[in-house]
């Protein structure tokens, strides 16, 4: 199924991907393959929540992942570290509908950042996530001003601890109706105004494919404002395969060619065997 989009994979990997008889489970025969490693790949915990974390982390380490993403419970961090992985992103402050664009929440958000950023730094977690919040009738201009004010309050803390606050871009068309930071141009302008090496965008490719398309050009034009990527096939947020509309190998190569030093975390919801699908995605994005 992946042969159309897997141009450039090694012969052994292609054989494993194309042989459906070996897919149960595919990863057992392919887990020893050495990755090129130009991109540091991770996997979002919530997409594999039915798999015990210890099992997921062990498997992730075997297939060459560098971490587990959106691992929000600090009690889980030692589990992934046991296998040589890191938590690549954890909670910063706020929720998707209620976050930085609401002035009445700024004191609360600042306290959350004051807890989560030092804790992340102490445990080697490089990124914390935050959100704009929903519009709720607010103009995008006012929301931008408020978001900049909020991030300016905590950028010094992030800089002090060498932890990056990542403002997530999400779609407001399908999954998160009314979300404000739903276009790259809005998010990038916030990052420009805050002007900190430790406040950047989480560029979710699935979400921005829904809202904008033109993914590679947009990434290239805004690369300096991006610290982290998420993947997910569109439509459906499922596997990175030939059921969806992006050529993921080409996207991954474009990111790698920019010498991206952050993490690209897989955030698709598997419809097939989850570990097989994760392994396929890792191979596909190993450019």
Protein backbone atom coordinates (compact mmCIF):
# COMPACT_ATOMS: atom_id res chain seq x y z
CA UNK A 1 0.00 0.00 0.00
CA UNK A 2 2.87 2.39 0.72
CA UNK A 3 4.83 1.66 -2.42
CA UNK A 4 3.41 4.73 -4.20
CA UNK A 5 4.70 7.10 -1.54
CA UNK A 6 7.75 5.27 -0.22
CA UNK A 7 10.19 6.11 -2.97
CA UNK A 8 13.69 6.08 -1.56
CA UNK A 9 13.18 3.48 1.17
CA UNK A 10 15.72 0.69 1.33
CA UNK A 11 14.89 -2.55 -0.45
CA UNK A 12 14.42 -4.50 2.78
CA UNK A 13 12.07 -1.87 4.15
CA UNK A 14 10.07 -1.76 0.94
CA UNK A 15 9.73 -5.52 0.97
CA UNK A 16 8.49 -5.48 4.55
CA UNK A 17 6.03 -2.70 3.83
CA UNK A 18 4.63 -4.38 0.74
CA UNK A 19 4.36 -7.92 2.12
CA UNK A 20 0.99 -8.08 3.84
CA UNK A 21 1.78 -11.59 5.09
CA UNK A 22 4.48 -10.11 7.32
CA UNK A 23 2.24 -7.44 8.78
CA UNK A 24 1.31 -9.45 11.80
CA UNK A 25 3.26 -7.78 13.19
CA UNK A 26 5.40 -6.05 10.55
CA UNK A 27 7.52 -4.25 13.10
CA UNK A 28 9.09 -7.46 14.42
CA UNK A 29 10.87 -8.04 11.11
CA UNK A 30 11.71 -4.38 10.49
CA UNK A 31 12.56 -3.11 13.97
CA UNK A 32 16.28 -3.69 13.54
CA UNK A 33 16.56 -1.48 10.45
CA UNK A 34 18.88 1.48 11.03
CA UNK A 35 17.31 4.86 10.35
CA UNK A 36 19.07 7.70 8.57
CA UNK A 37 17.97 9.91 11.44
CA UNK A 38 17.88 13.27 9.67
CA UNK A 39 14.58 13.89 11.43
CA UNK A 40 14.09 13.19 15.12
CA UNK A 41 10.76 11.38 15.27
CA UNK A 42 8.39 10.94 18.17
CA UNK A 43 4.87 9.58 18.76
CA UNK A 44 1.98 11.20 20.59
CA UNK A 45 0.92 9.20 23.60
CA UNK A 46 -2.84 9.71 23.23
CA UNK A 47 -2.88 7.97 19.84
CA UNK A 48 -1.64 4.78 21.53
CA UNK A 49 -3.41 5.11 24.88
CA UNK A 50 -4.67 1.50 24.74
CA UNK A 51 -1.08 0.25 24.71
CA UNK A 52 0.71 0.20 28.08
CA UNK A 53 3.27 2.99 28.13
CA UNK A 54 6.09 0.62 28.98
CA UNK A 55 5.29 -1.48 25.90
CA UNK A 56 4.95 1.57 23.67
CA UNK A 57 8.23 3.08 24.89
CA UNK A 58 10.11 -0.20 24.41
CA UNK A 59 8.77 -0.53 20.87
CA UNK A 60 9.44 3.14 20.09
CA UNK A 61 13.04 2.73 21.14
CA UNK A 62 13.44 -0.40 19.00
CA UNK A 63 12.21 1.33 15.84
CA UNK A 64 14.37 4.42 16.30
CA UNK A 65 12.02 6.99 17.79
CA UNK A 66 13.60 9.61 20.03
CA UNK A 67 10.68 10.29 22.35
CA UNK A 68 7.03 10.19 23.30
CA UNK A 69 5.04 13.38 22.73
CA UNK A 70 2.27 15.03 24.76
CA UNK A 71 3.27 13.03 27.81
CA UNK A 72 1.62 15.20 30.41
CA UNK A 73 1.93 13.17 33.61
CA UNK A 74 5.41 13.59 35.13
CA UNK A 75 5.03 10.15 36.69
CA UNK A 76 5.23 8.75 33.16
CA UNK A 77 8.51 10.41 32.28
CA UNK A 78 10.80 7.84 33.98
CA UNK A 79 9.07 5.07 32.01
CA UNK A 80 10.16 6.45 28.64
CA UNK A 81 13.59 7.48 29.91
CA UNK A 82 14.19 3.86 30.89
CA UNK A 83 14.31 3.09 27.17
CA UNK A 84 16.55 6.01 26.23
CA UNK A 85 13.67 8.23 25.11
CA UNK A 86 12.61 11.67 26.26
CA UNK A 87 9.20 13.26 26.72
CA UNK A 88 9.39 15.57 23.70
CA UNK A 89 6.46 17.79 24.73
CA UNK A 90 4.28 18.26 27.80
CA UNK A 91 1.62 20.63 29.12
CA UNK A 92 2.46 24.30 29.33
CA UNK A 93 -0.72 26.21 30.14
CA UNK A 94 -4.33 26.50 29.08
CA UNK A 95 -6.70 24.34 27.08
CA UNK A 96 -7.70 24.48 23.44
CA UNK A 97 -10.84 26.62 23.99
CA UNK A 98 -9.53 28.68 26.93
CA UNK A 99 -6.02 30.03 26.77
CA UNK A 100 -3.79 32.97 25.85
CA UNK A 101 -6.31 35.21 24.08
CA UNK A 102 -8.38 35.70 27.27
CA UNK A 103 -6.96 38.42 29.51
CA UNK A 104 -9.01 37.20 32.45
CA UNK A 105 -7.06 33.91 32.31
CA UNK A 106 -3.58 35.41 32.17
CA UNK A 107 -2.82 35.20 35.89
CA UNK A 108 -3.93 31.58 35.98
CA UNK A 109 -1.95 30.71 32.87
CA UNK A 110 1.17 32.38 34.21
CA UNK A 111 0.99 30.24 37.34
CA UNK A 112 0.66 27.11 35.20
CA UNK A 113 3.69 28.09 33.17
CA UNK A 114 5.60 28.85 36.38
CA UNK A 115 4.98 25.29 37.49
CA UNK A 116 5.35 23.45 34.22
CA UNK A 117 8.37 25.14 32.63
CA UNK A 118 10.85 24.62 35.50
CA UNK A 119 9.59 21.07 35.96
CA UNK A 120 10.08 20.37 32.27
CA UNK A 121 13.61 21.79 32.42
CA UNK A 122 14.52 19.70 35.46
CA UNK A 123 13.44 16.56 33.63
CA UNK A 124 14.92 17.24 30.21
CA UNK A 125 11.62 17.98 28.46
CA UNK A 126 12.40 20.50 25.70
CA UNK A 127 8.90 21.77 24.83
CA UNK A 128 5.66 22.79 26.51
CA UNK A 129 2.42 23.32 24.62
CA UNK A 130 -0.05 26.17 24.76
CA UNK A 131 -2.99 27.47 22.75
CA UNK A 132 -4.64 30.66 21.60
CA UNK A 133 -8.10 29.70 22.83
CA UNK A 134 -11.38 30.05 20.93
CA UNK A 135 -12.65 33.32 19.52
CA UNK A 136 -15.97 33.43 21.37
CA UNK A 137 -16.85 36.60 19.47
CA UNK A 138 -13.44 38.23 19.91
CA UNK A 139 -11.73 39.71 16.87
CA UNK A 140 -8.54 38.12 15.65
CA UNK A 141 -6.73 41.42 16.17
CA UNK A 142 -7.72 41.70 19.81
CA UNK A 143 -6.94 38.03 20.35
CA UNK A 144 -3.50 38.48 18.86
CA UNK A 145 -2.74 41.42 21.12
CA UNK A 146 -3.86 39.47 24.18
CA UNK A 147 -1.88 36.38 23.18
CA UNK A 148 1.27 38.46 22.70
CA UNK A 149 0.79 40.05 26.12
CA UNK A 150 0.45 36.62 27.73
CA UNK A 151 3.48 35.12 26.04
CA UNK A 152 5.57 38.19 26.82
CA UNK A 153 4.82 37.59 30.51
CA UNK A 154 6.44 34.15 30.43
CA UNK A 155 9.04 34.28 27.68
CA UNK A 156 11.75 35.25 30.17
CA UNK A 157 10.95 32.17 32.25
CA UNK A 158 11.19 29.97 29.17
CA UNK A 159 14.48 31.57 28.15
CA UNK A 160 15.90 31.12 31.65
CA UNK A 161 15.12 27.41 31.64
CA UNK A 162 15.84 26.71 27.94
CA UNK A 163 12.35 25.31 27.39
CA UNK A 164 10.37 26.26 24.29
CA UNK A 165 6.73 27.34 24.56
CA UNK A 166 4.95 26.01 21.47
CA UNK A 167 1.75 27.73 20.36
CA UNK A 168 -0.27 25.17 18.44
CA UNK A 169 -1.87 25.77 15.07
CA UNK A 170 -5.20 23.89 14.85
CA UNK A 171 -7.98 23.73 12.28
CA UNK A 172 -11.29 25.42 13.04
CA UNK A 173 -13.05 23.80 10.08
CA UNK A 174 -13.36 20.17 11.21
CA UNK A 175 -12.01 19.46 14.69
CA UNK A 176 -11.82 22.65 16.76
CA UNK A 177 -14.57 25.01 15.74
CA UNK A 178 -13.92 28.66 16.61
CA UNK A 179 -10.24 28.15 17.49
CA UNK A 180 -8.34 31.39 16.87
CA UNK A 181 -4.82 30.29 15.95
CA UNK A 182 -6.07 28.49 12.86
CA UNK A 183 -3.83 29.99 10.17
CA UNK A 184 -0.06 30.13 9.94
CA UNK A 185 0.01 33.85 9.18
CA UNK A 186 -1.78 34.62 12.49
CA UNK A 187 0.46 32.35 14.53
CA UNK A 188 3.64 33.56 12.86
CA UNK A 189 2.73 37.18 13.55
CA UNK A 190 2.31 36.37 17.24
CA UNK A 191 5.76 34.76 17.28
CA UNK A 192 7.30 37.74 15.51
CA UNK A 193 5.83 40.17 18.02
CA UNK A 194 6.91 38.15 21.06
CA UNK A 195 10.39 37.87 19.50
CA UNK A 196 11.87 35.17 21.71
CA UNK A 197 13.95 32.14 20.75
CA UNK A 198 11.87 30.19 23.26
CA UNK A 199 8.39 31.02 21.94
CA UNK A 200 7.62 29.28 18.65
CA UNK A 201 4.88 27.49 16.72
CA UNK A 202 3.79 23.89 16.87
CA UNK A 203 3.02 23.37 13.19
CA UNK A 204 0.46 20.58 12.99
CA UNK A 205 0.60 19.48 9.36
CA UNK A 206 -2.76 17.71 9.50
CA UNK A 207 -4.52 20.82 10.77
CA UNK A 208 -2.84 23.21 8.37
CA UNK A 209 -3.51 20.93 5.40
CA UNK A 210 -7.21 21.31 6.22
CA UNK A 211 -7.06 25.09 6.64
CA UNK A 212 -4.47 26.13 4.05
CA UNK A 213 -2.77 23.38 2.06
CA UNK A 214 0.44 24.52 0.34
CA UNK A 215 2.29 22.83 3.19
CA UNK A 216 5.88 22.79 1.96
CA UNK A 217 5.92 26.41 0.80
CA UNK A 218 4.32 27.53 4.08
CA UNK A 219 6.85 25.62 6.17
CA UNK A 220 9.76 27.05 4.18
CA UNK A 221 8.46 30.63 4.47
CA UNK A 222 7.84 30.35 8.22
CA UNK A 223 10.55 27.92 9.22
CA UNK A 224 12.24 30.31 11.64
CA UNK A 225 9.02 30.49 13.67
CA UNK A 226 8.48 26.71 13.98
CA UNK A 227 9.87 24.55 16.79
CA UNK A 228 7.83 21.35 16.53
CA UNK A 229 5.73 19.38 14.04
CA UNK A 230 2.79 16.98 14.30
CA UNK A 231 1.69 14.58 11.57
CA UNK A 232 -1.66 13.06 10.65
CA UNK A 233 -3.23 11.95 7.39
CA UNK A 234 -6.02 14.04 5.88
CA UNK A 235 -8.86 13.30 5.52
CA UNK A 236 -9.56 11.43 8.74
CA UNK A 237 -6.38 11.95 10.78
CA UNK A 238 -5.36 8.37 10.15
CA UNK A 239 -2.28 6.62 8.76
CA UNK A 240 0.24 8.36 6.50
CA UNK A 241 -0.65 6.14 3.58
CA UNK A 242 -2.33 6.21 0.18
CA UNK A 243 -5.77 6.84 1.66
CA UNK A 244 -4.96 10.52 2.19
CA UNK A 245 -3.78 13.47 0.17
CA UNK A 246 -0.24 14.43 1.17
CA UNK A 247 3.01 12.91 -0.05
CA UNK A 248 4.55 12.55 3.38
CA UNK A 249 7.95 11.49 2.18
CA UNK A 250 8.26 14.70 0.19
CA UNK A 251 7.06 16.77 3.14
CA UNK A 252 9.53 15.06 5.48
CA UNK A 253 12.39 15.62 3.04
CA UNK A 254 11.52 19.31 2.75
CA UNK A 255 11.67 19.65 6.54
CA UNK A 256 14.92 17.70 6.80
CA UNK A 257 16.48 19.77 4.01
CA UNK A 258 15.88 22.86 6.14
CA UNK A 259 18.14 21.26 8.79
CA UNK A 260 15.28 21.09 11.28
CA UNK A 261 16.65 20.28 14.74
CA UNK A 262 13.40 19.83 16.66
CA UNK A 263 11.02 16.89 16.78
CA UNK A 264 8.36 15.67 14.38
CA UNK A 265 5.75 13.72 16.35
CA UNK A 266 3.27 11.32 14.77
CA UNK A 267 -0.26 12.24 15.84
CA UNK A 268 -2.43 10.08 13.62
CA UNK A 269 -5.12 7.71 14.90
CA UNK A 270 -4.37 4.23 13.55
CA UNK A 271 -7.15 2.32 11.82
CA UNK A 272 -5.01 -0.78 11.43
CA UNK A 273 -2.59 -2.45 13.84
CA UNK A 274 -1.24 0.62 15.67
CA UNK A 275 2.38 -0.51 16.00
CA UNK A 276 2.55 -1.60 12.38
CA UNK A 277 1.16 1.78 11.33
CA UNK A 278 3.62 3.64 13.52
CA UNK A 279 6.55 1.68 12.14
CA UNK A 280 5.41 2.38 8.56
CA UNK A 281 5.19 6.11 9.33
CA UNK A 282 8.67 6.15 10.82
CA UNK A 283 10.13 4.45 7.75
CA UNK A 284 8.22 6.74 5.42
CA UNK A 285 9.52 9.89 7.13
CA UNK A 286 13.08 8.65 7.46
CA UNK A 287 14.58 10.65 4.63
